């Protein structure tokens, strides 16, 4: 979008001739609209507060538009938009580490199915548009008088297991434990639920 620079001085020739400054001699600068376009692309339709799993919040343009268009917009916006949020699966897809958006959705659904069947795990959808929800293991924050951040499972593009677990902690956030996908999570779940830092 081209706009006139509001800080540029008015056209002095128009003032000399006694004419209105309807054609100002100001510099034109271009403001990219990619930031606005991206924010609209990740904005879900309707509230997500009652979502109990990732599939309940897949209501933004990035979830339903043709995959190639989503990747193209993401790559374009990534070059100009600072502090751009994007879900883990889109970052992995754009980097060529995930084969498809549906593959990412499948990972999310498998994790949801596994954790829904276990007591104490709750999905937290209350993040910003374009950001991933996460799961907390609520029993892990029970301590003797000290406030503890519960064990938290997040989806990530940091590695191809796609899952990181942060053990419950009180003072300093621990390093994440990389988990080898839903199958690895199934095998480590009891150990991860007991982990404390």
C-alpha atoms as a PDB file:
ATOM      1  CA  UNK A   1       0.000   0.000   0.000  1.00  0.00           C
ATOM      2  CA  UNK A   2       1.437   3.400  -0.952  1.00  0.00           C
ATOM      3  CA  UNK A   3       0.939   6.261   1.495  1.00  0.00           C
ATOM      4  CA  UNK A   4       2.215   9.804   1.746  1.00  0.00           C
ATOM      5  CA  UNK A   5       4.815  10.455   4.374  1.00  0.00           C
ATOM      6  CA  UNK A   6       2.959  12.496   7.048  1.00  0.00           C
ATOM      7  CA  UNK A   7       6.216  14.011   8.309  1.00  0.00           C
ATOM      8  CA  UNK A   8       7.249  15.517   4.961  1.00  0.00           C
ATOM      9  CA  UNK A   9       6.790  19.296   4.553  1.00  0.00           C
ATOM     10  CA  UNK A  10       4.014  20.611   2.298  1.00  0.00           C
ATOM     11  CA  UNK A  11       4.721  21.537  -1.317  1.00  0.00           C
ATOM     12  CA  UNK A  12       6.298  25.032  -1.212  1.00  0.00           C
ATOM     13  CA  UNK A  13       5.370  25.734  -4.842  1.00  0.00           C
ATOM     14  CA  UNK A  14       1.685  25.398  -4.057  1.00  0.00           C
ATOM     15  CA  UNK A  15       2.024  27.988  -1.276  1.00  0.00           C
ATOM     16  CA  UNK A  16       3.884  30.420  -3.605  1.00  0.00           C
ATOM     17  CA  UNK A  17       1.159  30.206  -6.204  1.00  0.00           C
ATOM     18  CA  UNK A  18      -1.607  30.555  -3.620  1.00  0.00           C
ATOM     19  CA  UNK A  19      -3.012  27.162  -4.525  1.00  0.00           C
ATOM     20  CA  UNK A  20      -4.208  24.489  -2.147  1.00  0.00           C
ATOM     21  CA  UNK A  21      -1.697  21.767  -1.444  1.00  0.00           C
ATOM     22  CA  UNK A  22      -3.775  19.072  -3.104  1.00  0.00           C
ATOM     23  CA  UNK A  23      -0.729  17.534  -4.811  1.00  0.00           C
ATOM     24  CA  UNK A  24       1.849  17.619  -2.062  1.00  0.00           C
ATOM     25  CA  UNK A  25       5.490  17.101  -2.904  1.00  0.00           C
ATOM     26  CA  UNK A  26       5.931  14.463  -0.266  1.00  0.00           C
ATOM     27  CA  UNK A  27       7.842  11.240  -0.374  1.00  0.00           C
ATOM     28  CA  UNK A  28       5.828   8.151  -0.970  1.00  0.00           C
ATOM     29  CA  UNK A  29       6.634   5.137   1.127  1.00  0.00           C
ATOM     30  CA  UNK A  30       5.233   1.643   0.913  1.00  0.00           C
ATOM     31  CA  UNK A  31       3.750  -0.021   3.965  1.00  0.00           C
ATOM     32  CA  UNK A  32       3.526  -3.789   3.655  1.00  0.00           C
ATOM     33  CA  UNK A  33       0.170  -5.237   4.517  1.00  0.00           C
ATOM     34  CA  UNK A  34       1.593  -8.706   5.111  1.00  0.00           C
ATOM     35  CA  UNK A  35       1.388  -8.219   8.870  1.00  0.00           C
ATOM     36  CA  UNK A  36      -2.314  -7.507   8.678  1.00  0.00           C
ATOM     37  CA  UNK A  37      -2.867 -10.315   6.188  1.00  0.00           C
ATOM     38  CA  UNK A  38      -1.012 -12.772   8.424  1.00  0.00           C
ATOM     39  CA  UNK A  39      -2.894 -11.737  11.561  1.00  0.00           C
ATOM     40  CA  UNK A  40      -6.173 -12.329   9.737  1.00  0.00           C
ATOM     41  CA  UNK A  41      -4.932 -15.686   8.431  1.00  0.00           C
ATOM     42  CA  UNK A  42      -4.271 -17.028  11.950  1.00  0.00           C
ATOM     43  CA  UNK A  43      -7.325 -15.495  13.662  1.00  0.00           C
ATOM     44  CA  UNK A  44      -9.829 -18.247  14.534  1.00  0.00           C
ATOM     45  CA  UNK A  45     -13.491 -17.751  13.777  1.00  0.00           C
ATOM     46  CA  UNK A  46     -15.415 -17.680  17.042  1.00  0.00           C
ATOM     47  CA  UNK A  47     -14.271 -18.139  20.635  1.00  0.00           C
ATOM     48  CA  UNK A  48     -11.907 -20.961  21.596  1.00  0.00           C
ATOM     49  CA  UNK A  49     -12.233 -20.822  25.394  1.00  0.00           C
ATOM     50  CA  UNK A  50     -14.122 -24.101  25.677  1.00  0.00           C
ATOM     51  CA  UNK A  51     -11.756 -26.041  23.387  1.00  0.00           C
ATOM     52  CA  UNK A  52     -10.641 -29.322  24.913  1.00  0.00           C
ATOM     53  CA  UNK A  53      -8.284 -30.420  22.136  1.00  0.00           C
ATOM     54  CA  UNK A  54      -6.401 -28.869  19.202  1.00  0.00           C
ATOM     55  CA  UNK A  55      -9.014 -29.944  16.646  1.00  0.00           C
ATOM     56  CA  UNK A  56     -11.495 -27.605  18.367  1.00  0.00           C
ATOM     57  CA  UNK A  57      -9.376 -24.550  17.513  1.00  0.00           C
ATOM     58  CA  UNK A  58      -8.649 -25.366  13.861  1.00  0.00           C
ATOM     59  CA  UNK A  59     -10.913 -22.602  12.605  1.00  0.00           C
ATOM     60  CA  UNK A  60      -8.528 -20.103  11.053  1.00  0.00           C
ATOM     61  CA  UNK A  61      -7.732 -19.571   7.374  1.00  0.00           C
ATOM     62  CA  UNK A  62      -4.398 -21.395   7.799  1.00  0.00           C
ATOM     63  CA  UNK A  63      -6.311 -24.565   8.766  1.00  0.00           C
ATOM     64  CA  UNK A  64      -8.615 -24.711   5.747  1.00  0.00           C
ATOM     65  CA  UNK A  65      -7.040 -22.777   2.843  1.00  0.00           C
ATOM     66  CA  UNK A  66      -5.056 -24.684   0.209  1.00  0.00           C
ATOM     67  CA  UNK A  67      -1.805 -25.792   1.817  1.00  0.00           C
ATOM     68  CA  UNK A  68       0.404 -24.228  -0.864  1.00  0.00           C
ATOM     69  CA  UNK A  69      -1.257 -20.824  -0.345  1.00  0.00           C
ATOM     70  CA  UNK A  70      -0.746 -21.058   3.412  1.00  0.00           C
ATOM     71  CA  UNK A  71       2.955 -21.876   2.989  1.00  0.00           C
ATOM     72  CA  UNK A  72       3.421 -19.077   0.442  1.00  0.00           C
ATOM     73  CA  UNK A  73       1.827 -16.486   2.716  1.00  0.00           C
ATOM     74  CA  UNK A  74       3.814 -17.747   5.695  1.00  0.00           C
ATOM     75  CA  UNK A  75       7.106 -17.556   3.798  1.00  0.00           C
ATOM     76  CA  UNK A  76       6.293 -14.085   2.455  1.00  0.00           C
ATOM     77  CA  UNK A  77       5.231 -12.725   5.830  1.00  0.00           C
ATOM     78  CA  UNK A  78       8.157 -14.309   7.651  1.00  0.00           C
ATOM     79  CA  UNK A  79      10.551 -12.097   5.721  1.00  0.00           C
ATOM     80  CA  UNK A  80       8.911  -8.840   6.804  1.00  0.00           C
ATOM     81  CA  UNK A  81       6.749  -9.375   9.908  1.00  0.00           C
ATOM     82  CA  UNK A  82       8.509  -9.213  13.266  1.00  0.00           C
ATOM     83  CA  UNK A  83       7.297 -11.372  16.146  1.00  0.00           C
ATOM     84  CA  UNK A  84       5.159 -13.493  13.871  1.00  0.00           C
ATOM     85  CA  UNK A  85       3.303 -16.368  15.511  1.00  0.00           C
ATOM     86  CA  UNK A  86       2.678 -19.596  13.629  1.00  0.00           C
ATOM     87  CA  UNK A  87       1.717 -23.089  14.729  1.00  0.00           C
ATOM     88  CA  UNK A  88       4.429 -25.724  15.073  1.00  0.00           C
ATOM     89  CA  UNK A  89       3.177 -27.752  12.105  1.00  0.00           C
ATOM     90  CA  UNK A  90       3.372 -24.763   9.738  1.00  0.00           C
ATOM     91  CA  UNK A  91       6.941 -23.937  10.769  1.00  0.00           C
ATOM     92  CA  UNK A  92       7.900 -27.602  10.253  1.00  0.00           C
ATOM     93  CA  UNK A  93       6.033 -27.797   6.943  1.00  0.00           C
ATOM     94  CA  UNK A  94       7.687 -24.652   5.569  1.00  0.00           C
ATOM     95  CA  UNK A  95      11.100 -26.000   6.624  1.00  0.00           C
ATOM     96  CA  UNK A  96      10.446 -29.269   4.774  1.00  0.00           C
ATOM     97  CA  UNK A  97      10.525 -31.412   7.935  1.00  0.00           C
ATOM     98  CA  UNK A  98       6.827 -32.325   7.905  1.00  0.00           C
ATOM     99  CA  UNK A  99       5.166 -33.811   4.840  1.00  0.00           C
ATOM    100  CA  UNK A 100       1.726 -32.231   5.178  1.00  0.00           C
ATOM    101  CA  UNK A 101      -0.586 -30.142   7.331  1.00  0.00           C
ATOM    102  CA  UNK A 102      -2.771 -33.223   7.807  1.00  0.00           C
ATOM    103  CA  UNK A 103       0.279 -35.051   9.176  1.00  0.00           C
ATOM    104  CA  UNK A 104       0.618 -32.324  11.800  1.00  0.00           C
ATOM    105  CA  UNK A 105      -3.079 -32.540  12.645  1.00  0.00           C
ATOM    106  CA  UNK A 106      -2.690 -36.315  13.033  1.00  0.00           C
ATOM    107  CA  UNK A 107       0.095 -35.842  15.608  1.00  0.00           C
ATOM    108  CA  UNK A 108      -2.075 -33.387  17.558  1.00  0.00           C
ATOM    109  CA  UNK A 109      -5.050 -35.760  17.459  1.00  0.00           C
ATOM    110  CA  UNK A 110      -2.996 -38.776  18.585  1.00  0.00           C
ATOM    111  CA  UNK A 111      -1.602 -36.822  21.541  1.00  0.00           C
ATOM    112  CA  UNK A 112      -5.117 -35.623  22.428  1.00  0.00           C
ATOM    113  CA  UNK A 113      -6.512 -39.165  22.291  1.00  0.00           C
ATOM    114  CA  UNK A 114      -3.717 -40.450  24.529  1.00  0.00           C
ATOM    115  CA  UNK A 115      -3.960 -37.667  27.129  1.00  0.00           C
ATOM    116  CA  UNK A 116      -7.779 -37.556  27.135  1.00  0.00           C
ATOM    117  CA  UNK A 117      -7.714 -41.162  28.351  1.00  0.00           C
ATOM    118  CA  UNK A 118      -5.434 -40.283  31.310  1.00  0.00           C
ATOM    119  CA  UNK A 119      -6.694 -38.497  34.421  1.00  0.00           C
ATOM    120  CA  UNK A 120      -5.088 -35.177  35.278  1.00  0.00           C
ATOM    121  CA  UNK A 121      -4.151 -33.911  31.797  1.00  0.00           C
ATOM    122  CA  UNK A 122      -5.914 -30.775  30.554  1.00  0.00           C
ATOM    123  CA  UNK A 123      -5.620 -28.983  27.241  1.00  0.00           C
ATOM    124  CA  UNK A 124      -4.982 -25.229  27.503  1.00  0.00           C
ATOM    125  CA  UNK A 125      -6.124 -23.431  24.323  1.00  0.00           C
ATOM    126  CA  UNK A 126      -5.708 -19.879  25.668  1.00  0.00           C
ATOM    127  CA  UNK A 127      -2.767 -18.693  23.652  1.00  0.00           C
ATOM    128  CA  UNK A 128      -2.564 -15.950  21.061  1.00  0.00           C
ATOM    129  CA  UNK A 129      -3.800 -16.355  17.481  1.00  0.00           C
ATOM    130  CA  UNK A 130      -1.445 -18.581  15.524  1.00  0.00           C
ATOM    131  CA  UNK A 131       0.142 -20.009  18.669  1.00  0.00           C
ATOM    132  CA  UNK A 132      -0.188 -23.594  19.821  1.00  0.00           C
ATOM    133  CA  UNK A 133      -2.189 -24.715  22.799  1.00  0.00           C
ATOM    134  CA  UNK A 134      -0.544 -27.068  25.288  1.00  0.00           C
ATOM    135  CA  UNK A 135      -1.390 -29.675  27.931  1.00  0.00           C
ATOM    136  CA  UNK A 136      -0.794 -29.432  31.667  1.00  0.00           C
ATOM    137  CA  UNK A 137      -0.637 -32.324  34.109  1.00  0.00           C
ATOM    138  CA  UNK A 138      -2.465 -30.697  37.023  1.00  0.00           C
ATOM    139  CA  UNK A 139      -1.570 -33.243  39.778  1.00  0.00           C
ATOM    140  CA  UNK A 140       2.114 -32.315  39.321  1.00  0.00           C
ATOM    141  CA  UNK A 141       1.629 -28.846  40.831  1.00  0.00           C
ATOM    142  CA  UNK A 142       0.541 -30.206  44.210  1.00  0.00           C
ATOM    143  CA  UNK A 143       3.302 -29.407  46.677  1.00  0.00           C
ATOM    144  CA  UNK A 144       3.603 -28.656  50.346  1.00  0.00           C
ATOM    145  CA  UNK A 145       2.923 -24.936  50.345  1.00  0.00           C
ATOM    146  CA  UNK A 146       5.069 -23.894  47.371  1.00  0.00           C
ATOM    147  CA  UNK A 147       3.603 -22.751  44.084  1.00  0.00           C
ATOM    148  CA  UNK A 148       4.714 -25.053  41.314  1.00  0.00           C
ATOM    149  CA  UNK A 149       4.239 -24.790  37.548  1.00  0.00           C
ATOM    150  CA  UNK A 150       2.724 -28.109  36.462  1.00  0.00           C
ATOM    151  CA  UNK A 151       4.290 -30.518  34.016  1.00  0.00           C
ATOM    152  CA  UNK A 152       3.595 -29.101  30.574  1.00  0.00           C
ATOM    153  CA  UNK A 153       3.565 -30.830  27.188  1.00  0.00           C
ATOM    154  CA  UNK A 154       4.004 -28.641  24.111  1.00  0.00           C
ATOM    155  CA  UNK A 155       4.050 -29.278  20.383  1.00  0.00           C
ATOM    156  CA  UNK A 156       7.291 -28.161  18.761  1.00  0.00           C
ATOM    157  CA  UNK A 157       9.184 -27.967  15.494  1.00  0.00           C
ATOM    158  CA  UNK A 158      12.485 -28.123  17.437  1.00  0.00           C
ATOM    159  CA  UNK A 159      12.862 -31.833  16.542  1.00  0.00           C
ATOM    160  CA  UNK A 160      10.939 -34.405  14.502  1.00  0.00           C
ATOM    161  CA  UNK A 161       9.414 -36.094  17.540  1.00  0.00           C
ATOM    162  CA  UNK A 162       7.247 -32.924  17.669  1.00  0.00           C
ATOM    163  CA  UNK A 163       6.755 -33.083  21.456  1.00  0.00           C
ATOM    164  CA  UNK A 164       8.581 -31.446  24.373  1.00  0.00           C
ATOM    165  CA  UNK A 165       7.777 -31.908  28.048  1.00  0.00           C
ATOM    166  CA  UNK A 166       8.737 -29.413  30.739  1.00  0.00           C
ATOM    167  CA  UNK A 167       8.702 -31.172  34.140  1.00  0.00           C
ATOM    168  CA  UNK A 168       6.913 -29.452  37.002  1.00  0.00           C
ATOM    169  CA  UNK A 169       9.106 -26.815  38.610  1.00  0.00           C
ATOM    170  CA  UNK A 170       9.061 -24.120  41.267  1.00  0.00           C
ATOM    171  CA  UNK A 171      11.807 -21.606  40.553  1.00  0.00           C
ATOM    172  CA  UNK A 172      13.595 -21.942  37.217  1.00  0.00           C
ATOM    173  CA  UNK A 173      12.097 -23.363  34.044  1.00  0.00           C
ATOM    174  CA  UNK A 174      13.881 -26.648  33.239  1.00  0.00           C
ATOM    175  CA  UNK A 175      15.172 -27.637  29.833  1.00  0.00           C
ATOM    176  CA  UNK A 176      12.578 -29.483  27.770  1.00  0.00           C
ATOM    177  CA  UNK A 177      12.587 -33.246  27.505  1.00  0.00           C
ATOM    178  CA  UNK A 178      12.317 -34.239  23.838  1.00  0.00           C
ATOM    179  CA  UNK A 179       9.737 -36.962  23.275  1.00  0.00           C
ATOM    180  CA  UNK A 180       9.707 -39.157  20.168  1.00  0.00           C
ATOM    181  CA  UNK A 181       6.152 -38.499  19.018  1.00  0.00           C
ATOM    182  CA  UNK A 182       2.907 -39.998  20.293  1.00  0.00           C
ATOM    183  CA  UNK A 183       4.419 -43.507  20.467  1.00  0.00           C
ATOM    184  CA  UNK A 184       7.318 -42.222  22.586  1.00  0.00           C
ATOM    185  CA  UNK A 185       4.890 -40.318  24.779  1.00  0.00           C
ATOM    186  CA  UNK A 186       2.868 -43.470  25.390  1.00  0.00           C
ATOM    187  CA  UNK A 187       6.018 -45.278  26.552  1.00  0.00           C
ATOM    188  CA  UNK A 188       7.284 -42.428  28.775  1.00  0.00           C
ATOM    189  CA  UNK A 189       4.021 -41.083  30.171  1.00  0.00           C
ATOM    190  CA  UNK A 190       4.233 -42.570  33.687  1.00  0.00           C
ATOM    191  CA  UNK A 191       7.843 -41.367  34.033  1.00  0.00           C
ATOM    192  CA  UNK A 192       6.969 -37.882  32.710  1.00  0.00           C
ATOM    193  CA  UNK A 193       4.006 -37.545  35.061  1.00  0.00           C
ATOM    194  CA  UNK A 194       6.304 -38.245  38.023  1.00  0.00           C
ATOM    195  CA  UNK A 195       9.094 -35.891  36.909  1.00  0.00           C
ATOM    196  CA  UNK A 196       9.787 -32.853  39.123  1.00  0.00           C
ATOM    197  CA  UNK A 197      12.545 -30.252  39.031  1.00  0.00           C
END
